[in-house]
Amino acid sequence: MKEQPRIHYNISAITGTDCFVNGKPVCFGPARADLEHWTFESIDIAPFLKPGKNVIAATVWNFGE
């Protein structure tokens, strides 16, 4: 059986994130970070993709200044 490829999507925000692929939620974070300690979420989005065009969307927010 052929192994399905992995497609990694990295996202980062200072306060939080919501990530969607083709309208389906794939990740809700905080991958909290600051300017000296930056982090990110790494998500395998391959299971959410379909043949043809796909839509990858994210909402990120910062409650800072």
PDB file of N, CA and C in Angstrom:
ATOM      1  N   MET A   1       0.855  -1.177   0.000  1.00  0.00           N
ATOM      2  CA  MET A   1       0.000   0.000   0.000  1.00  0.00           C
ATOM      3  C   MET A   1       0.902   1.241   0.000  1.00  0.00           C
ATOM      4  N   LYS A   2       0.563   2.182  -0.850  1.00  0.00           N
ATOM      5  CA  LYS A   2       1.349   3.413  -0.950  1.00  0.00           C
ATOM      6  C   LYS A   2       1.020   4.344   0.213  1.00  0.00           C
ATOM      7  N   GLU A   3       2.076   4.874   0.837  1.00  0.00           N
ATOM      8  CA  GLU A   3       1.886   5.791   1.957  1.00  0.00           C
ATOM      9  C   GLU A   3       1.442   7.159   1.452  1.00  0.00           C
ATOM     10  N   GLN A   4       0.453   7.742   2.123  1.00  0.00           N
ATOM     11  CA  GLN A   4      -0.037   9.071   1.752  1.00  0.00           C
ATOM     12  C   GLN A   4       1.020  10.110   2.110  1.00  0.00           C
ATOM     13  N   PRO A   5       1.286  11.050   1.193  1.00  0.00           N
ATOM     14  CA  PRO A   5       2.280  12.082   1.508  1.00  0.00           C
ATOM     15  C   PRO A   5       1.785  12.986   2.629  1.00  0.00           C
ATOM     16  N   ARG A   6       2.736  13.568   3.324  1.00  0.00           N
ATOM     17  CA  ARG A   6       2.409  14.531   4.376  1.00  0.00           C
ATOM     18  C   ARG A   6       2.676  15.930   3.845  1.00  0.00           C
ATOM     19  N   ILE A   7       1.809  16.837   4.196  1.00  0.00           N
ATOM     20  CA  ILE A   7       1.971  18.233   3.811  1.00  0.00           C
ATOM     21  C   ILE A   7       1.892  19.042   5.097  1.00  0.00           C
ATOM     22  N   HIS A   8       3.016  19.602   5.503  1.00  0.00           N
ATOM     23  CA  HIS A   8       3.072  20.330   6.764  1.00  0.00           C
ATOM     24  C   HIS A   8       2.781  21.810   6.552  1.00  0.00           C
ATOM     25  N   TYR A   9       1.921  22.327   7.401  1.00  0.00           N
ATOM     26  CA  TYR A   9       1.500  23.721   7.405  1.00  0.00           C
ATOM     27  C   TYR A   9       1.917  24.277   8.752  1.00  0.00           C
ATOM     28  N   ASN A  10       2.765  25.281   8.744  1.00  0.00           N
ATOM     29  CA  ASN A  10       3.234  25.898   9.985  1.00  0.00           C
ATOM     30  C   ASN A  10       2.545  27.240  10.177  1.00  0.00           C
ATOM     31  N   ILE A  11       2.068  27.487  11.397  1.00  0.00           N
ATOM     32  CA  ILE A  11       1.400  28.751  11.684  1.00  0.00           C
ATOM     33  C   ILE A  11       1.832  29.243  13.064  1.00  0.00           C
ATOM     34  N   SER A  12       1.939  30.559  13.173  1.00  0.00           N
ATOM     35  CA  SER A  12       2.368  31.157  14.427  1.00  0.00           C
ATOM     36  C   SER A  12       1.640  32.475  14.640  1.00  0.00           C
ATOM     37  N   ALA A  13       1.378  32.782  15.893  1.00  0.00           N
ATOM     38  CA  ALA A  13       0.773  34.060  16.258  1.00  0.00           C
ATOM     39  C   ALA A  13       1.124  34.351  17.704  1.00  0.00           C
ATOM     40  N   ILE A  14       1.136  35.605  18.064  1.00  0.00           N
ATOM     41  CA  ILE A  14       1.497  35.966  19.429  1.00  0.00           C
ATOM     42  C   ILE A  14       0.419  35.514  20.418  1.00  0.00           C
ATOM     43  N   THR A  15      -0.847  35.640  20.080  1.00  0.00           N
ATOM     44  CA  THR A  15      -1.900  35.280  21.020  1.00  0.00           C
ATOM     45  C   THR A  15      -2.613  33.988  20.654  1.00  0.00           C
ATOM     46  N   GLY A  16      -3.118  33.831  19.437  1.00  0.00           N
ATOM     47  CA  GLY A  16      -3.840  32.611  19.102  1.00  0.00           C
ATOM     48  C   GLY A  16      -4.150  32.491  17.628  1.00  0.00           C
ATOM     49  N   THR A  17      -4.600  31.278  17.238  1.00  0.00           N
ATOM     50  CA  THR A  17      -4.908  30.994  15.845  1.00  0.00           C
ATOM     51  C   THR A  17      -6.082  30.035  15.732  1.00  0.00           C
ATOM     52  N   ASP A  18      -6.802  30.128  14.643  1.00  0.00           N
ATOM     53  CA  ASP A  18      -7.781  29.136  14.207  1.00  0.00           C
ATOM     54  C   ASP A  18      -7.435  28.831  12.759  1.00  0.00           C
ATOM     55  N   CYS A  19      -7.268  27.555  12.414  1.00  0.00           N
ATOM     56  CA  CYS A  19      -6.877  27.177  11.053  1.00  0.00           C
ATOM     57  C   CYS A  19      -7.935  26.275  10.443  1.00  0.00           C
ATOM     58  N   PHE A  20      -8.192  26.474   9.154  1.00  0.00           N
ATOM     59  CA  PHE A  20      -9.208  25.724   8.433  1.00  0.00           C
ATOM     60  C   PHE A  20      -8.668  25.297   7.075  1.00  0.00           C
ATOM     61  N   VAL A  21      -9.071  24.117   6.623  1.00  0.00           N
ATOM     62  CA  VAL A  21      -8.772  23.661   5.268  1.00  0.00           C
ATOM     63  C   VAL A  21     -10.098  23.233   4.658  1.00  0.00           C
ATOM     64  N   ASN A  22     -10.460  23.872   3.550  1.00  0.00           N
ATOM     65  CA  ASN A  22     -11.726  23.608   2.872  1.00  0.00           C
ATOM     66  C   ASN A  22     -12.913  23.712   3.834  1.00  0.00           C
ATOM     67  N   GLY A  23     -12.852  24.704   4.718  1.00  0.00           N
ATOM     68  CA  GLY A  23     -13.950  24.968   5.641  1.00  0.00           C
ATOM     69  C   GLY A  23     -13.972  24.092   6.881  1.00  0.00           C
ATOM     70  N   LYS A  24     -13.064  23.114   6.979  1.00  0.00           N
ATOM     71  CA  LYS A  24     -13.035  22.222   8.139  1.00  0.00           C
ATOM     72  C   LYS A  24     -11.958  22.693   9.112  1.00  0.00           C
ATOM     73  N   PRO A  25     -12.282  22.765  10.407  1.00  0.00           N
ATOM     74  CA  PRO A  25     -11.270  23.179  11.380  1.00  0.00           C
ATOM     75  C   PRO A  25     -10.191  22.113  11.511  1.00  0.00           C
ATOM     76  N   VAL A  26      -8.931  22.559  11.495  1.00  0.00           N
ATOM     77  CA  VAL A  26      -7.811  21.623  11.625  1.00  0.00           C
ATOM     78  C   VAL A  26      -6.935  21.918  12.827  1.00  0.00           C
ATOM     79  N   CYS A  27      -7.017  23.133  13.364  1.00  0.00           N
ATOM     80  CA  CYS A  27      -6.162  23.472  14.506  1.00  0.00           C
ATOM     81  C   CYS A  27      -6.690  24.728  15.181  1.00  0.00           C
ATOM     82  N   PHE A  28      -6.715  24.697  16.501  1.00  0.00           N
ATOM     83  CA  PHE A  28      -7.021  25.881  17.290  1.00  0.00           C
ATOM     84  C   PHE A  28      -5.885  26.019  18.287  1.00  0.00           C
ATOM     85  N   GLY A  29      -5.292  27.201  18.311  1.00  0.00           N
ATOM     86  CA  GLY A  29      -4.139  27.302  19.168  1.00  0.00           C
ATOM     87  C   GLY A  29      -4.244  28.437  20.121  1.00  0.00           C
ATOM     88  N   PRO A  30      -3.512  28.313  21.152  1.00  0.00           N
ATOM     89  CA  PRO A  30      -2.433  29.241  21.129  1.00  0.00           C
ATOM     90  C   PRO A  30      -1.137  28.465  20.980  1.00  0.00           C
ATOM     91  N   ALA A  31      -0.369  28.852  19.999  1.00  0.00           N
ATOM     92  CA  ALA A  31       1.045  28.500  19.983  1.00  0.00           C
ATOM     93  C   ALA A  31       1.681  29.800  20.418  1.00  0.00           C
ATOM     94  N   ARG A  32       1.539  30.104  21.685  1.00  0.00           N
ATOM     95  CA  ARG A  32       1.928  31.423  22.191  1.00  0.00           C
ATOM     96  C   ARG A  32       3.402  31.700  21.983  1.00  0.00           C
ATOM     97  N   ALA A  33       3.662  32.937  21.682  1.00  0.00           N
ATOM     98  CA  ALA A  33       5.032  33.350  21.420  1.00  0.00           C
ATOM     99  C   ALA A  33       5.201  34.810  21.810  1.00  0.00           C
ATOM    100  N   ASP A  34       6.434  35.216  21.888  1.00  0.00           N
ATOM    101  CA  ASP A  34       6.756  36.632  22.000  1.00  0.00           C
ATOM    102  C   ASP A  34       7.986  36.866  21.140  1.00  0.00           C
ATOM    103  N   LEU A  35       8.431  38.083  21.054  1.00  0.00           N
ATOM    104  CA  LEU A  35       9.520  38.399  20.127  1.00  0.00           C
ATOM    105  C   LEU A  35      10.816  37.669  20.458  1.00  0.00           C
ATOM    106  N   GLU A  36      10.993  37.249  21.702  1.00  0.00           N
ATOM    107  CA  GLU A  36      12.216  36.545  22.076  1.00  0.00           C
ATOM    108  C   GLU A  36      12.048  35.028  22.115  1.00  0.00           C
ATOM    109  N   HIS A  37      10.817  34.533  22.125  1.00  0.00           N
ATOM    110  CA  HIS A  37      10.542  33.098  22.206  1.00  0.00           C
ATOM    111  C   HIS A  37       9.432  32.752  21.215  1.00  0.00           C
ATOM    112  N   TRP A  38       9.790  32.642  19.944  1.00  0.00           N
ATOM    113  CA  TRP A  38       8.791  32.429  18.908  1.00  0.00           C
ATOM    114  C   TRP A  38       8.523  30.945  18.737  1.00  0.00           C
ATOM    115  N   THR A  39       7.266  30.542  18.719  1.00  0.00           N
ATOM    116  CA  THR A  39       6.876  29.148  18.533  1.00  0.00           C
ATOM    117  C   THR A  39       5.886  29.059  17.380  1.00  0.00           C
ATOM    118  N   PHE A  40       5.584  27.836  16.968  1.00  0.00           N
ATOM    119  CA  PHE A  40       4.596  27.640  15.906  1.00  0.00           C
ATOM    120  C   PHE A  40       3.960  26.268  16.049  1.00  0.00           C
ATOM    121  N   GLU A  41       2.781  26.122  15.448  1.00  0.00           N
ATOM    122  CA  GLU A  41       2.109  24.836  15.336  1.00  0.00           C
ATOM    123  C   GLU A  41       2.472  24.262  13.979  1.00  0.00           C
ATOM    124  N   SER A  42       2.713  22.974  13.910  1.00  0.00           N
ATOM    125  CA  SER A  42       2.969  22.288  12.647  1.00  0.00           C
ATOM    126  C   SER A  42       1.888  21.233  12.471  1.00  0.00           C
ATOM    127  N   ILE A  43       1.104  21.354  11.399  1.00  0.00           N
ATOM    128  CA  ILE A  43      -0.060  20.504  11.181  1.00  0.00           C
ATOM    129  C   ILE A  43       0.110  19.775   9.857  1.00  0.00           C
ATOM    130  N   ASP A  44      -0.193  18.474   9.834  1.00  0.00           N
ATOM    131  CA  ASP A  44      -0.231  17.733   8.585  1.00  0.00           C
ATOM    132  C   ASP A  44      -1.629  17.920   7.995  1.00  0.00           C
ATOM    133  N   ILE A  45      -1.728  18.700   6.919  1.00  0.00           N
ATOM    134  CA  ILE A  45      -3.042  18.995   6.337  1.00  0.00           C
ATOM    135  C   ILE A  45      -3.409  18.060   5.189  1.00  0.00           C
ATOM    136  N   ALA A  46      -2.545  17.106   4.855  1.00  0.00           N
ATOM    137  CA  ALA A  46      -2.818  16.201   3.728  1.00  0.00           C
ATOM    138  C   ALA A  46      -4.185  15.513   3.830  1.00  0.00           C
ATOM    139  N   PRO A  47      -4.616  15.032   4.999  1.00  0.00           N
ATOM    140  CA  PRO A  47      -5.918  14.364   5.075  1.00  0.00           C
ATOM    141  C   PRO A  47      -7.106  15.279   4.755  1.00  0.00           C
ATOM    142  N   PHE A  48      -6.904  16.586   4.813  1.00  0.00           N
ATOM    143  CA  PHE A  48      -7.989  17.537   4.586  1.00  0.00           C
ATOM    144  C   PHE A  48      -8.046  18.042   3.149  1.00  0.00           C
ATOM    145  N   LEU A  49      -7.039  17.716   2.346  1.00  0.00           N
ATOM    146  CA  LEU A  49      -6.984  18.207   0.968  1.00  0.00           C
ATOM    147  C   LEU A  49      -7.786  17.308   0.032  1.00  0.00           C
ATOM    148  N   LYS A  50      -8.256  17.891  -1.045  1.00  0.00           N
ATOM    149  CA  LYS A  50      -9.013  17.171  -2.063  1.00  0.00           C
ATOM    150  C   LYS A  50      -8.353  17.432  -3.410  1.00  0.00           C
ATOM    151  N   PRO A  51      -8.631  16.619  -4.424  1.00  0.00           N
ATOM    152  CA  PRO A  51      -8.084  16.897  -5.760  1.00  0.00           C
ATOM    153  C   PRO A  51      -8.584  18.252  -6.266  1.00  0.00           C
ATOM    154  N   GLY A  52      -7.744  18.961  -6.977  1.00  0.00           N
ATOM    155  CA  GLY A  52      -8.124  20.268  -7.511  1.00  0.00           C
ATOM    156  C   GLY A  52      -7.781  21.393  -6.553  1.00  0.00           C
ATOM    157  N   LYS A  53      -8.578  22.448  -6.597  1.00  0.00           N
ATOM    158  CA  LYS A  53      -8.315  23.620  -5.765  1.00  0.00           C
ATOM    159  C   LYS A  53      -8.739  23.367  -4.321  1.00  0.00           C
ATOM    160  N   ASN A  54      -7.965  23.950  -3.396  1.00  0.00           N
ATOM    161  CA  ASN A  54      -8.244  23.866  -1.966  1.00  0.00           C
ATOM    162  C   ASN A  54      -8.152  25.266  -1.373  1.00  0.00           C
ATOM    163  N   VAL A  55      -8.822  25.458  -0.252  1.00  0.00           N
ATOM    164  CA  VAL A  55      -8.779  26.740   0.451  1.00  0.00           C
ATOM    165  C   VAL A  55      -8.168  26.504   1.831  1.00  0.00           C
ATOM    166  N   ILE A  56      -7.080  27.214   2.108  1.00  0.00           N
ATOM    167  CA  ILE A  56      -6.441  27.179   3.412  1.00  0.00           C
ATOM    168  C   ILE A  56      -6.634  28.562   4.025  1.00  0.00           C
ATOM    169  N   ALA A  57      -7.232  28.611   5.214  1.00  0.00           N
ATOM    170  CA  ALA A  57      -7.540  29.894   5.849  1.00  0.00           C
ATOM    171  C   ALA A  57      -7.111  29.861   7.310  1.00  0.00           C
ATOM    172  N   ALA A  58      -6.771  31.035   7.821  1.00  0.00           N
ATOM    173  CA  ALA A  58      -6.390  31.145   9.229  1.00  0.00           C
ATOM    174  C   ALA A  58      -6.867  32.477   9.768  1.00  0.00           C
ATOM    175  N   THR A  59      -7.297  32.454  11.003  1.00  0.00           N
ATOM    176  CA  THR A  59      -7.550  33.671  11.770  1.00  0.00           C
ATOM    177  C   THR A  59      -6.506  33.714  12.859  1.00  0.00           C
ATOM    178  N   VAL A  60      -5.789  34.805  12.935  1.00  0.00           N
ATOM    179  CA  VAL A  60      -4.803  34.975  14.005  1.00  0.00           C
ATOM    180  C   VAL A  60      -5.118  36.272  14.734  1.00  0.00           C
ATOM    181  N   TRP A  61      -4.838  36.308  16.023  1.00  0.00           N
ATOM    182  CA  TRP A  61      -5.144  37.511  16.770  1.00  0.00           C
ATOM    183  C   TRP A  61      -4.064  37.793  17.800  1.00  0.00           C
ATOM    184  N   ASN A  62      -4.071  39.058  18.218  1.00  0.00           N
ATOM    185  CA  ASN A  62      -3.119  39.544  19.211  1.00  0.00           C
ATOM    186  C   ASN A  62      -3.869  40.525  20.100  1.00  0.00           C
ATOM    187  N   PHE A  63      -3.934  40.244  21.374  1.00  0.00           N
ATOM    188  CA  PHE A  63      -4.623  41.129  22.311  1.00  0.00           C
ATOM    189  C   PHE A  63      -3.678  42.162  22.921  1.00  0.00           C
ATOM    190  N   GLY A  64      -2.497  42.300  22.332  1.00  0.00           N
ATOM    191  CA  GLY A  64      -1.502  43.238  22.853  1.00  0.00           C
ATOM    192  C   GLY A  64      -1.836  44.674  22.505  1.00  0.00           C
ATOM    193  N   GLU A  65      -0.829  45.510  22.562  1.00  0.00           N
ATOM    194  CA  GLU A  65      -0.987  46.954  22.339  1.00  0.00           C
ATOM    195  C   GLU A  65      -1.463  47.277  20.939  1.00  0.00           C
TER     196      GLU A  65
END
